[in-house]
Amino acid sequence: MRFFSAQIKKFLSKVGVVDRRRVQIVPKSAAGITPGDLVFLKYFSKYVVLLVVSPVVKDAKTGNQLFTAFKVPFSGDYTSDSLTDLYKNKELPRENYRTYILSRIQGPIRRIK
């Protein structure tokens, strides 16, 4: 995981991802991402970790495609299983929901298996 930022490496080790093969590049579309997936990406020069919510990708009135997800704070005390449980139980705080313009995502979207 030598190509990831120090913050992403720390997050991955916190949620128990020590094997690089558990991180996959997925297409910037609804094809490779499903609700409940844990992903990270670079948006406006900053990395963010997101828990994908439904709908994954939708068209905006402006012609942009929007990517909706729950922004996971780097400082939280959780595991990938606890994040999945939060998603399944619909207990995610509404103030952390974010919408990202798909074309402004820099580089690939990476999913954590």
PDB file of N, CA and C in Angstrom:
ATOM      1  N   MET A   1       0.820  -1.184   0.000  1.00  0.00           N
ATOM      2  CA  MET A   1       0.000   0.000   0.000  1.00  0.00           C
ATOM      3  C   MET A   1       0.866   1.251   0.000  1.00  0.00           C
ATOM      4  N   ARG A   2       1.949   1.188  -0.660  1.00  0.00           N
ATOM      5  CA  ARG A   2       2.911   2.278  -0.641  1.00  0.00           C
ATOM      6  C   ARG A   2       2.464   3.509  -1.416  1.00  0.00           C
ATOM      7  N   PHE A   3       1.458   3.415  -2.280  1.00  0.00           N
ATOM      8  CA  PHE A   3       1.022   4.552  -3.079  1.00  0.00           C
ATOM      9  C   PHE A   3      -0.107   5.335  -2.427  1.00  0.00           C
ATOM     10  N   PHE A   4      -0.590   4.911  -1.282  1.00  0.00           N
ATOM     11  CA  PHE A   4      -1.680   5.598  -0.600  1.00  0.00           C
ATOM     12  C   PHE A   4      -1.113   6.624   0.372  1.00  0.00           C
ATOM     13  N   SER A   5      -1.904   7.643   0.668  1.00  0.00           N
ATOM     14  CA  SER A   5      -1.472   8.654   1.630  1.00  0.00           C
ATOM     15  C   SER A   5      -1.342   8.019   3.016  1.00  0.00           C
ATOM     16  N   ALA A   6      -0.604   8.686   3.893  1.00  0.00           N
ATOM     17  CA  ALA A   6      -0.416   8.180   5.253  1.00  0.00           C
ATOM     18  C   ALA A   6      -1.754   8.061   5.972  1.00  0.00           C
ATOM     19  N   GLN A   7      -2.649   9.002   5.721  1.00  0.00           N
ATOM     20  CA  GLN A   7      -3.973   8.984   6.342  1.00  0.00           C
ATOM     21  C   GLN A   7      -4.783   7.766   5.892  1.00  0.00           C
ATOM     22  N   ILE A   8      -4.719   7.443   4.609  1.00  0.00           N
ATOM     23  CA  ILE A   8      -5.438   6.280   4.090  1.00  0.00           C
ATOM     24  C   ILE A   8      -4.815   4.998   4.627  1.00  0.00           C
ATOM     25  N   LYS A   9      -3.496   4.926   4.656  1.00  0.00           N
ATOM     26  CA  LYS A   9      -2.823   3.736   5.206  1.00  0.00           C
ATOM     27  C   LYS A   9      -3.229   3.505   6.658  1.00  0.00           C
ATOM     28  N   LYS A  10      -3.293   4.572   7.437  1.00  0.00           N
ATOM     29  CA  LYS A  10      -3.677   4.459   8.842  1.00  0.00           C
ATOM     30  C   LYS A  10      -5.125   3.975   8.960  1.00  0.00           C
ATOM     31  N   PHE A  11      -6.015   4.528   8.125  1.00  0.00           N
ATOM     32  CA  PHE A  11      -7.409   4.103   8.139  1.00  0.00           C
ATOM     33  C   PHE A  11      -7.528   2.623   7.781  1.00  0.00           C
ATOM     34  N   LEU A  12      -6.826   2.194   6.735  1.00  0.00           N
ATOM     35  CA  LEU A  12      -6.896   0.800   6.305  1.00  0.00           C
ATOM     36  C   LEU A  12      -6.409  -0.141   7.400  1.00  0.00           C
ATOM     37  N   SER A  13      -5.352   0.220   8.079  1.00  0.00           N
ATOM     38  CA  SER A  13      -4.874  -0.644   9.158  1.00  0.00           C
ATOM     39  C   SER A  13      -5.853  -0.650  10.321  1.00  0.00           C
ATOM     40  N   LYS A  14      -6.543   0.486  10.555  1.00  0.00           N
ATOM     41  CA  LYS A  14      -7.530   0.563  11.637  1.00  0.00           C
ATOM     42  C   LYS A  14      -8.708  -0.372  11.390  1.00  0.00           C
ATOM     43  N   VAL A  15      -9.140  -0.483  10.135  1.00  0.00           N
ATOM     44  CA  VAL A  15     -10.276  -1.361   9.822  1.00  0.00           C
ATOM     45  C   VAL A  15      -9.841  -2.777   9.451  1.00  0.00           C
ATOM     46  N   GLY A  16      -8.553  -3.055   9.614  1.00  0.00           N
ATOM     47  CA  GLY A  16      -8.068  -4.419   9.440  1.00  0.00           C
ATOM     48  C   GLY A  16      -7.679  -4.818   8.036  1.00  0.00           C
ATOM     49  N   VAL A  17      -7.407  -3.872   7.166  1.00  0.00           N
ATOM     50  CA  VAL A  17      -6.999  -4.185   5.794  1.00  0.00           C
ATOM     51  C   VAL A  17      -5.477  -4.091   5.725  1.00  0.00           C
ATOM     52  N   VAL A  18      -4.822  -5.247   5.759  1.00  0.00           N
ATOM     53  CA  VAL A  18      -3.366  -5.260   5.676  1.00  0.00           C
ATOM     54  C   VAL A  18      -2.895  -5.814   4.336  1.00  0.00           C
ATOM     55  N   ASP A  19      -3.786  -6.448   3.619  1.00  0.00           N
ATOM     56  CA  ASP A  19      -3.453  -7.042   2.328  1.00  0.00           C
ATOM     57  C   ASP A  19      -3.921  -6.121   1.205  1.00  0.00           C
ATOM     58  N   ARG A  20      -3.014  -5.687   0.371  1.00  0.00           N
ATOM     59  CA  ARG A  20      -3.330  -4.769  -0.729  1.00  0.00           C
ATOM     60  C   ARG A  20      -4.383  -5.341  -1.680  1.00  0.00           C
ATOM     61  N   ARG A  21      -4.498  -6.651  -1.754  1.00  0.00           N
ATOM     62  CA  ARG A  21      -5.478  -7.269  -2.668  1.00  0.00           C
ATOM     63  C   ARG A  21      -6.914  -7.027  -2.226  1.00  0.00           C
ATOM     64  N   ARG A  22      -7.122  -6.550  -1.004  1.00  0.00           N
ATOM     65  CA  ARG A  22      -8.474  -6.242  -0.533  1.00  0.00           C
ATOM     66  C   ARG A  22      -8.942  -4.872  -1.000  1.00  0.00           C
ATOM     67  N   VAL A  23      -8.086  -4.132  -1.694  1.00  0.00           N
ATOM     68  CA  VAL A  23      -8.439  -2.815  -2.235  1.00  0.00           C
ATOM     69  C   VAL A  23      -8.480  -2.938  -3.752  1.00  0.00           C
ATOM     70  N   GLN A  24      -9.661  -2.657  -4.342  1.00  0.00           N
ATOM     71  CA  GLN A  24      -9.848  -2.792  -5.787  1.00  0.00           C
ATOM     72  C   GLN A  24     -10.219  -1.456  -6.411  1.00  0.00           C
ATOM     73  N   ILE A  25      -9.714  -1.218  -7.599  1.00  0.00           N
ATOM     74  CA  ILE A  25     -10.148  -0.053  -8.376  1.00  0.00           C
ATOM     75  C   ILE A  25     -11.461  -0.418  -9.050  1.00  0.00           C
ATOM     76  N   VAL A  26     -12.439   0.481  -8.947  1.00  0.00           N
ATOM     77  CA  VAL A  26     -13.747   0.248  -9.562  1.00  0.00           C
ATOM     78  C   VAL A  26     -14.065   1.397 -10.508  1.00  0.00           C
ATOM     79  N   PRO A  27     -14.927   1.172 -11.494  1.00  0.00           N
ATOM     80  CA  PRO A  27     -15.272   2.240 -12.436  1.00  0.00           C
ATOM     81  C   PRO A  27     -16.039   3.371 -11.767  1.00  0.00           C
ATOM     82  N   LYS A  28     -15.923   4.550 -12.340  1.00  0.00           N
ATOM     83  CA  LYS A  28     -16.651   5.718 -11.834  1.00  0.00           C
ATOM     84  C   LYS A  28     -18.081   5.687 -12.369  1.00  0.00           C
ATOM     85  N   SER A  29     -18.819   4.696 -11.947  1.00  0.00           N
ATOM     86  CA  SER A  29     -20.210   4.543 -12.354  1.00  0.00           C
ATOM     87  C   SER A  29     -20.891   3.620 -11.344  1.00  0.00           C
ATOM     88  N   ALA A  30     -22.164   3.436 -11.523  1.00  0.00           N
ATOM     89  CA  ALA A  30     -22.896   2.538 -10.635  1.00  0.00           C
ATOM     90  C   ALA A  30     -22.570   1.074 -10.924  1.00  0.00           C
ATOM     91  N   ALA A  31     -21.843   0.800 -11.996  1.00  0.00           N
ATOM     92  CA  ALA A  31     -21.563  -0.579 -12.393  1.00  0.00           C
ATOM     93  C   ALA A  31     -20.721  -1.336 -11.370  1.00  0.00           C
ATOM     94  N   GLY A  32     -19.722  -0.695 -10.784  1.00  0.00           N
ATOM     95  CA  GLY A  32     -18.832  -1.410  -9.883  1.00  0.00           C
ATOM     96  C   GLY A  32     -19.040  -1.114  -8.419  1.00  0.00           C
ATOM     97  N   ILE A  33     -19.976  -0.217  -8.113  1.00  0.00           N
ATOM     98  CA  ILE A  33     -20.191   0.212  -6.734  1.00  0.00           C
ATOM     99  C   ILE A  33     -21.633  -0.060  -6.347  1.00  0.00           C
ATOM    100  N   THR A  34     -21.829  -0.665  -5.196  1.00  0.00           N
ATOM    101  CA  THR A  34     -23.182  -0.941  -4.714  1.00  0.00           C
ATOM    102  C   THR A  34     -23.366  -0.319  -3.332  1.00  0.00           C
ATOM    103  N   PRO A  35     -24.605  -0.025  -2.955  1.00  0.00           N
ATOM    104  CA  PRO A  35     -24.847   0.515  -1.614  1.00  0.00           C
ATOM    105  C   PRO A  35     -24.285  -0.435  -0.549  1.00  0.00           C
ATOM    106  N   GLY A  36     -23.638   0.160   0.445  1.00  0.00           N
ATOM    107  CA  GLY A  36     -23.013  -0.618   1.503  1.00  0.00           C
ATOM    108  C   GLY A  36     -21.516  -0.795   1.322  1.00  0.00           C
ATOM    109  N   ASP A  37     -20.996  -0.488   0.126  1.00  0.00           N
ATOM    110  CA  ASP A  37     -19.549  -0.591  -0.123  1.00  0.00           C
ATOM    111  C   ASP A  37     -18.807   0.517   0.614  1.00  0.00           C
ATOM    112  N   LEU A  38     -17.599   0.200   1.037  1.00  0.00           N
ATOM    113  CA  LEU A  38     -16.700   1.168   1.646  1.00  0.00           C
ATOM    114  C   LEU A  38     -15.662   1.522   0.592  1.00  0.00           C
ATOM    115  N   VAL A  39     -15.578   2.806   0.222  1.00  0.00           N
ATOM    116  CA  VAL A  39     -14.670   3.242  -0.838  1.00  0.00           C
ATOM    117  C   VAL A  39     -13.854   4.431  -0.359  1.00  0.00           C
ATOM    118  N   PHE A  40     -12.748   4.695  -1.054  1.00  0.00           N
ATOM    119  CA  PHE A  40     -12.030   5.949  -0.836  1.00  0.00           C
ATOM    120  C   PHE A  40     -11.608   6.506  -2.173  1.00  0.00           C
ATOM    121  N   LEU A  41     -11.479   7.838  -2.206  1.00  0.00           N
ATOM    122  CA  LEU A  41     -11.177   8.537  -3.447  1.00  0.00           C
ATOM    123  C   LEU A  41     -10.549   9.881  -3.124  1.00  0.00           C
ATOM    124  N   LYS A  42     -10.023  10.512  -4.152  1.00  0.00           N
ATOM    125  CA  LYS A  42      -9.419  11.840  -4.005  1.00  0.00           C
ATOM    126  C   LYS A  42     -10.369  12.851  -4.632  1.00  0.00           C
ATOM    127  N   TYR A  43     -10.795  13.825  -3.833  1.00  0.00           N
ATOM    128  CA  TYR A  43     -11.744  14.840  -4.280  1.00  0.00           C
ATOM    129  C   TYR A  43     -11.196  16.202  -3.885  1.00  0.00           C
ATOM    130  N   PHE A  44     -10.933  17.059  -4.865  1.00  0.00           N
ATOM    131  CA  PHE A  44     -10.333  18.371  -4.622  1.00  0.00           C
ATOM    132  C   PHE A  44      -9.058  18.245  -3.786  1.00  0.00           C
ATOM    133  N   SER A  45      -8.170  17.383  -4.196  1.00  0.00           N
ATOM    134  CA  SER A  45      -6.846  17.192  -3.589  1.00  0.00           C
ATOM    135  C   SER A  45      -6.850  16.612  -2.183  1.00  0.00           C
ATOM    136  N   LYS A  46      -7.982  16.132  -1.697  1.00  0.00           N
ATOM    137  CA  LYS A  46      -8.050  15.506  -0.374  1.00  0.00           C
ATOM    138  C   LYS A  46      -8.678  14.127  -0.510  1.00  0.00           C
ATOM    139  N   TYR A  47      -8.122  13.179   0.236  1.00  0.00           N
ATOM    140  CA  TYR A  47      -8.709  11.846   0.254  1.00  0.00           C
ATOM    141  C   TYR A  47      -9.887  11.816   1.213  1.00  0.00           C
ATOM    142  N   VAL A  48     -10.930  11.112   0.812  1.00  0.00           N
ATOM    143  CA  VAL A  48     -12.096  10.897   1.666  1.00  0.00           C
ATOM    144  C   VAL A  48     -12.442   9.414   1.638  1.00  0.00           C
ATOM    145  N   VAL A  49     -12.929   8.924   2.770  1.00  0.00           N
ATOM    146  CA  VAL A  49     -13.419   7.554   2.868  1.00  0.00           C
ATOM    147  C   VAL A  49     -14.926   7.654   2.947  1.00  0.00           C
ATOM    148  N   LEU A  50     -15.604   6.852   2.140  1.00  0.00           N
ATOM    149  CA  LEU A  50     -17.054   6.947   2.036  1.00  0.00           C
ATOM    150  C   LEU A  50     -17.719   5.591   2.175  1.00  0.00           C
ATOM    151  N   LEU A  51     -18.872   5.583   2.802  1.00  0.00           N
ATOM    152  CA  LEU A  51     -19.739   4.418   2.828  1.00  0.00           C
ATOM    153  C   LEU A  51     -20.851   4.726   1.841  1.00  0.00           C
ATOM    154  N   VAL A  52     -20.958   3.934   0.801  1.00  0.00           N
ATOM    155  CA  VAL A  52     -21.873   4.218  -0.314  1.00  0.00           C
ATOM    156  C   VAL A  52     -23.316   3.992   0.130  1.00  0.00           C
ATOM    157  N   VAL A  53     -24.176   4.953  -0.223  1.00  0.00           N
ATOM    158  CA  VAL A  53     -25.604   4.862   0.068  1.00  0.00           C
ATOM    159  C   VAL A  53     -26.375   4.820  -1.247  1.00  0.00           C
ATOM    160  N   SER A  54     -27.658   4.643  -1.169  1.00  0.00           N
ATOM    161  CA  SER A  54     -28.470   4.506  -2.366  1.00  0.00           C
ATOM    162  C   SER A  54     -29.191   5.822  -2.633  1.00  0.00           C
ATOM    163  N   PRO A  55     -29.349   6.276  -3.855  1.00  0.00           N
ATOM    164  CA  PRO A  55     -28.806   5.735  -5.102  1.00  0.00           C
ATOM    165  C   PRO A  55     -27.324   6.059  -5.224  1.00  0.00           C
ATOM    166  N   VAL A  56     -26.609   5.180  -5.862  1.00  0.00           N
ATOM    167  CA  VAL A  56     -25.163   5.335  -5.970  1.00  0.00           C
ATOM    168  C   VAL A  56     -24.812   6.508  -6.878  1.00  0.00           C
ATOM    169  N   VAL A  57     -25.257   6.486  -8.114  1.00  0.00           N
ATOM    170  CA  VAL A  57     -24.974   7.547  -9.084  1.00  0.00           C
ATOM    171  C   VAL A  57     -26.301   8.005  -9.679  1.00  0.00           C
ATOM    172  N   LYS A  58     -26.486   9.320  -9.734  1.00  0.00           N
ATOM    173  CA  LYS A  58     -27.712   9.857 -10.335  1.00  0.00           C
ATOM    174  C   LYS A  58     -27.364  11.064 -11.174  1.00  0.00           C
ATOM    175  N   ASP A  59     -28.221  11.379 -12.120  1.00  0.00           N
ATOM    176  CA  ASP A  59     -28.014  12.538 -12.991  1.00  0.00           C
ATOM    177  C   ASP A  59     -28.604  13.780 -12.332  1.00  0.00           C
ATOM    178  N   ALA A  60     -27.857  14.873 -12.378  1.00  0.00           N
ATOM    179  CA  ALA A  60     -28.329  16.152 -11.854  1.00  0.00           C
ATOM    180  C   ALA A  60     -28.965  16.961 -12.981  1.00  0.00           C
ATOM    181  N   LYS A  61     -29.717  17.966 -12.619  1.00  0.00           N
ATOM    182  CA  LYS A  61     -30.343  18.839 -13.615  1.00  0.00           C
ATOM    183  C   LYS A  61     -29.295  19.600 -14.421  1.00  0.00           C
ATOM    184  N   THR A  62     -28.083  19.749 -13.871  1.00  0.00           N
ATOM    185  CA  THR A  62     -27.007  20.472 -14.543  1.00  0.00           C
ATOM    186  C   THR A  62     -26.294  19.621 -15.582  1.00  0.00           C
ATOM    187  N   GLY A  63     -26.623  18.345 -15.653  1.00  0.00           N
ATOM    188  CA  GLY A  63     -25.966  17.454 -16.589  1.00  0.00           C
ATOM    189  C   GLY A  63     -24.838  16.657 -15.961  1.00  0.00           C
ATOM    190  N   ASN A  64     -24.472  16.997 -14.731  1.00  0.00           N
ATOM    191  CA  ASN A  64     -23.434  16.249 -14.017  1.00  0.00           C
ATOM    192  C   ASN A  64     -23.995  14.949 -13.455  1.00  0.00           C
ATOM    193  N   GLN A  65     -23.109  13.991 -13.280  1.00  0.00           N
ATOM    194  CA  GLN A  65     -23.498  12.787 -12.567  1.00  0.00           C
ATOM    195  C   GLN A  65     -23.048  12.954 -11.125  1.00  0.00           C
ATOM    196  N   LEU A  66     -23.917  12.614 -10.182  1.00  0.00           N
ATOM    197  CA  LEU A  66     -23.645  12.799  -8.769  1.00  0.00           C
ATOM    198  C   LEU A  66     -23.444  11.457  -8.083  1.00  0.00           C
ATOM    199  N   PHE A  67     -22.509  11.424  -7.160  1.00  0.00           N
ATOM    200  CA  PHE A  67     -22.163  10.234  -6.384  1.00  0.00           C
ATOM    201  C   PHE A  67     -22.522  10.533  -4.930  1.00  0.00           C
ATOM    202  N   THR A  68     -23.468   9.796  -4.366  1.00  0.00           N
ATOM    203  CA  THR A  68     -23.945  10.049  -3.014  1.00  0.00           C
ATOM    204  C   THR A  68     -23.361   9.029  -2.056  1.00  0.00           C
ATOM    205  N   ALA A  69     -22.842   9.508  -0.919  1.00  0.00           N
ATOM    206  CA  ALA A  69     -22.235   8.605   0.053  1.00  0.00           C
ATOM    207  C   ALA A  69     -22.201   9.261   1.433  1.00  0.00           C
ATOM    208  N   PHE A  70     -21.904   8.448   2.435  1.00  0.00           N
ATOM    209  CA  PHE A  70     -21.740   8.893   3.810  1.00  0.00           C
ATOM    210  C   PHE A  70     -20.253   9.089   4.063  1.00  0.00           C
ATOM    211  N   LYS A  71     -19.847  10.300   4.439  1.00  0.00           N
ATOM    212  CA  LYS A  71     -18.434  10.588   4.685  1.00  0.00           C
ATOM    213  C   LYS A  71     -18.031  10.009   6.039  1.00  0.00           C
ATOM    214  N   VAL A  72     -17.045   9.112   6.009  1.00  0.00           N
ATOM    215  CA  VAL A  72     -16.569   8.450   7.218  1.00  0.00           C
ATOM    216  C   VAL A  72     -15.432   9.282   7.812  1.00  0.00           C
ATOM    217  N   PRO A  73     -15.573   9.731   9.059  1.00  0.00           N
ATOM    218  CA  PRO A  73     -14.485  10.507   9.668  1.00  0.00           C
ATOM    219  C   PRO A  73     -13.265   9.617   9.917  1.00  0.00           C
ATOM    220  N   PHE A  74     -12.081  10.130   9.613  1.00  0.00           N
ATOM    221  CA  PHE A  74     -10.853   9.366   9.820  1.00  0.00           C
ATOM    222  C   PHE A  74     -10.617   9.060  11.296  1.00  0.00           C
ATOM    223  N   SER A  75     -11.109   9.924  12.179  1.00  0.00           N
ATOM    224  CA  SER A  75     -10.808   9.791  13.598  1.00  0.00           C
ATOM    225  C   SER A  75     -11.745   8.852  14.351  1.00  0.00           C
ATOM    226  N   GLY A  76     -12.738   8.278  13.686  1.00  0.00           N
ATOM    227  CA  GLY A  76     -13.708   7.428  14.363  1.00  0.00           C
ATOM    228  C   GLY A  76     -13.118   6.110  14.838  1.00  0.00           C
ATOM    229  N   ASP A  77     -13.810   5.483  15.787  1.00  0.00           N
ATOM    230  CA  ASP A  77     -13.393   4.190  16.322  1.00  0.00           C
ATOM    231  C   ASP A  77     -14.371   3.137  15.798  1.00  0.00           C
ATOM    232  N   TYR A  78     -13.988   2.470  14.717  1.00  0.00           N
ATOM    233  CA  TYR A  78     -14.875   1.528  14.066  1.00  0.00           C
ATOM    234  C   TYR A  78     -14.055   0.506  13.290  1.00  0.00           C
ATOM    235  N   THR A  79     -14.774  -0.500  12.823  1.00  0.00           N
ATOM    236  CA  THR A  79     -14.192  -1.505  11.939  1.00  0.00           C
ATOM    237  C   THR A  79     -15.033  -1.515  10.674  1.00  0.00           C
ATOM    238  N   SER A  80     -14.592  -2.234   9.658  1.00  0.00           N
ATOM    239  CA  SER A  80     -15.397  -2.297   8.435  1.00  0.00           C
ATOM    240  C   SER A  80     -16.736  -2.971   8.722  1.00  0.00           C
ATOM    241  N   ASP A  81     -16.764  -3.947   9.637  1.00  0.00           N
ATOM    242  CA  ASP A  81     -18.029  -4.610   9.992  1.00  0.00           C
ATOM    243  C   ASP A  81     -18.976  -3.654  10.711  1.00  0.00           C
ATOM    244  N   SER A  82     -18.448  -2.820  11.605  1.00  0.00           N
ATOM    245  CA  SER A  82     -19.321  -1.886  12.321  1.00  0.00           C
ATOM    246  C   SER A  82     -19.901  -0.846  11.362  1.00  0.00           C
ATOM    247  N   LEU A  83     -19.125  -0.432  10.350  1.00  0.00           N
ATOM    248  CA  LEU A  83     -19.651   0.502   9.353  1.00  0.00           C
ATOM    249  C   LEU A  83     -20.756  -0.156   8.531  1.00  0.00           C
ATOM    250  N   THR A  84     -20.568  -1.417   8.175  1.00  0.00           N
ATOM    251  CA  THR A  84     -21.597  -2.150   7.433  1.00  0.00           C
ATOM    252  C   THR A  84     -22.861  -2.290   8.270  1.00  0.00           C
ATOM    253  N   ASP A  85     -22.706  -2.579   9.566  1.00  0.00           N
ATOM    254  CA  ASP A  85     -23.865  -2.688  10.450  1.00  0.00           C
ATOM    255  C   ASP A  85     -24.608  -1.360  10.559  1.00  0.00           C
ATOM    256  N   LEU A  86     -23.858  -0.262  10.655  1.00  0.00           N
ATOM    257  CA  LEU A  86     -24.499   1.050  10.688  1.00  0.00           C
ATOM    258  C   LEU A  86     -25.330   1.286   9.436  1.00  0.00           C
ATOM    259  N   TYR A  87     -24.763   0.926   8.299  1.00  0.00           N
ATOM    260  CA  TYR A  87     -25.475   1.113   7.035  1.00  0.00           C
ATOM    261  C   TYR A  87     -26.748   0.276   7.003  1.00  0.00           C
ATOM    262  N   LYS A  88     -26.638  -0.991   7.383  1.00  0.00           N
ATOM    263  CA  LYS A  88     -27.801  -1.884   7.343  1.00  0.00           C
ATOM    264  C   LYS A  88     -28.905  -1.440   8.294  1.00  0.00           C
ATOM    265  N   ASN A  89     -28.518  -0.876   9.433  1.00  0.00           N
ATOM    266  CA  ASN A  89     -29.499  -0.446  10.429  1.00  0.00           C
ATOM    267  C   ASN A  89     -29.998   0.979  10.212  1.00  0.00           C
ATOM    268  N   LYS A  90     -29.509   1.641   9.166  1.00  0.00           N
ATOM    269  CA  LYS A  90     -29.929   3.006   8.810  1.00  0.00           C
ATOM    270  C   LYS A  90     -29.689   3.990   9.959  1.00  0.00           C
ATOM    271  N   GLU A  91     -28.550   3.837  10.674  1.00  0.00           N
ATOM    272  CA  GLU A  91     -28.229   4.704  11.800  1.00  0.00           C
ATOM    273  C   GLU A  91     -27.158   5.742  11.460  1.00  0.00           C
ATOM    274  N   LEU A  92     -26.960   6.023  10.208  1.00  0.00           N
ATOM    275  CA  LEU A  92     -25.943   6.988   9.800  1.00  0.00           C
ATOM    276  C   LEU A  92     -26.454   8.403  10.036  1.00  0.00           C
ATOM    277  N   PRO A  93     -25.655   9.251  10.685  1.00  0.00           N
ATOM    278  CA  PRO A  93     -26.109  10.631  10.915  1.00  0.00           C
ATOM    279  C   PRO A  93     -26.274  11.394   9.599  1.00  0.00           C
ATOM    280  N   ARG A  94     -27.395  12.043   9.422  1.00  0.00           N
ATOM    281  CA  ARG A  94     -27.721  12.733   8.172  1.00  0.00           C
ATOM    282  C   ARG A  94     -26.715  13.832   7.824  1.00  0.00           C
ATOM    283  N   GLU A  95     -26.093  14.452   8.820  1.00  0.00           N
ATOM    284  CA  GLU A  95     -25.166  15.552   8.535  1.00  0.00           C
ATOM    285  C   GLU A  95     -23.889  15.092   7.851  1.00  0.00           C
ATOM    286  N   ASN A  96     -23.617  13.799   7.819  1.00  0.00           N
ATOM    287  CA  ASN A  96     -22.417  13.296   7.154  1.00  0.00           C
ATOM    288  C   ASN A  96     -22.684  12.787   5.736  1.00  0.00           C
ATOM    289  N   TYR A  97     -23.926  12.880   5.259  1.00  0.00           N
ATOM    290  CA  TYR A  97     -24.212  12.509   3.877  1.00  0.00           C
ATOM    291  C   TYR A  97     -23.654  13.583   2.953  1.00  0.00           C
ATOM    292  N   ARG A  98     -23.000  13.163   1.892  1.00  0.00           N
ATOM    293  CA  ARG A  98     -22.402  14.097   0.945  1.00  0.00           C
ATOM    294  C   ARG A  98     -22.723  13.659  -0.477  1.00  0.00           C
ATOM    295  N   THR A  99     -22.767  14.635  -1.369  1.00  0.00           N
ATOM    296  CA  THR A  99     -22.935  14.370  -2.786  1.00  0.00           C
ATOM    297  C   THR A  99     -21.705  14.917  -3.498  1.00  0.00           C
ATOM    298  N   TYR A 100     -21.079  14.088  -4.309  1.00  0.00           N
ATOM    299  CA  TYR A 100     -19.862  14.448  -5.025  1.00  0.00           C
ATOM    300  C   TYR A 100     -20.145  14.442  -6.521  1.00  0.00           C
ATOM    301  N   ILE A 101     -19.577  15.405  -7.245  1.00  0.00           N
ATOM    302  CA  ILE A 101     -19.705  15.430  -8.701  1.00  0.00           C
ATOM    303  C   ILE A 101     -18.695  14.431  -9.248  1.00  0.00           C
ATOM    304  N   LEU A 102     -19.194  13.454  -9.958  1.00  0.00           N
ATOM    305  CA  LEU A 102     -18.368  12.335 -10.425  1.00  0.00           C
ATOM    306  C   LEU A 102     -17.181  12.795 -11.265  1.00  0.00           C
ATOM    307  N   SER A 103     -17.365  13.788 -12.100  1.00  0.00           N
ATOM    308  CA  SER A 103     -16.279  14.241 -12.973  1.00  0.00           C
ATOM    309  C   SER A 103     -15.162  14.958 -12.206  1.00  0.00           C
ATOM    310  N   ARG A 104     -15.414  15.366 -10.977  1.00  0.00           N
ATOM    311  CA  ARG A 104     -14.396  16.063 -10.187  1.00  0.00           C
ATOM    312  C   ARG A 104     -13.579  15.126  -9.299  1.00  0.00           C
ATOM    313  N   ILE A 105     -13.901  13.859  -9.327  1.00  0.00           N
ATOM    314  CA  ILE A 105     -13.115  12.880  -8.574  1.00  0.00           C
ATOM    315  C   ILE A 105     -11.810  12.681  -9.314  1.00  0.00           C
ATOM    316  N   GLN A 106     -10.693  12.878  -8.610  1.00  0.00           N
ATOM    317  CA  GLN A 106      -9.369  12.761  -9.222  1.00  0.00           C
ATOM    318  C   GLN A 106      -8.871  11.335  -9.078  1.00  0.00           C
ATOM    319  N   GLY A 107      -8.510  10.743 -10.184  1.00  0.00           N
ATOM    320  CA  GLY A 107      -8.007   9.373 -10.146  1.00  0.00           C
ATOM    321  C   GLY A 107      -9.130   8.366  -9.956  1.00  0.00           C
ATOM    322  N   PRO A 108      -8.768   7.137  -9.591  1.00  0.00           N
ATOM    323  CA  PRO A 108      -9.767   6.072  -9.487  1.00  0.00           C
ATOM    324  C   PRO A 108     -10.523   6.092  -8.164  1.00  0.00           C
ATOM    325  N   ILE A 109     -11.626   5.385  -8.161  1.00  0.00           N
ATOM    326  CA  ILE A 109     -12.345   5.096  -6.920  1.00  0.00           C
ATOM    327  C   ILE A 109     -11.875   3.716  -6.500  1.00  0.00           C
ATOM    328  N   ARG A 110     -11.511   3.567  -5.234  1.00  0.00           N
ATOM    329  CA  ARG A 110     -11.037   2.279  -4.744  1.00  0.00           C
ATOM    330  C   ARG A 110     -12.008   1.730  -3.704  1.00  0.00           C
ATOM    331  N   ARG A 111     -12.407   0.472  -3.891  1.00  0.00           N
ATOM    332  CA  ARG A 111     -13.334  -0.195  -2.973  1.00  0.00           C
ATOM    333  C   ARG A 111     -12.538  -1.093  -2.036  1.00  0.00           C
ATOM    334  N   ILE A 112     -12.931  -1.099  -0.786  1.00  0.00           N
ATOM    335  CA  ILE A 112     -12.313  -1.957   0.221  1.00  0.00           C
ATOM    336  C   ILE A 112     -13.206  -3.173   0.392  1.00  0.00           C
ATOM    337  N   LYS A 113     -12.642  -4.348   0.149  1.00  0.00           N
ATOM    338  CA  LYS A 113     -13.424  -5.593   0.276  1.00  0.00           C
ATOM    339  C   LYS A 113     -13.376  -6.089   1.691  1.00  0.00           C
TER     340      LYS A 113
END
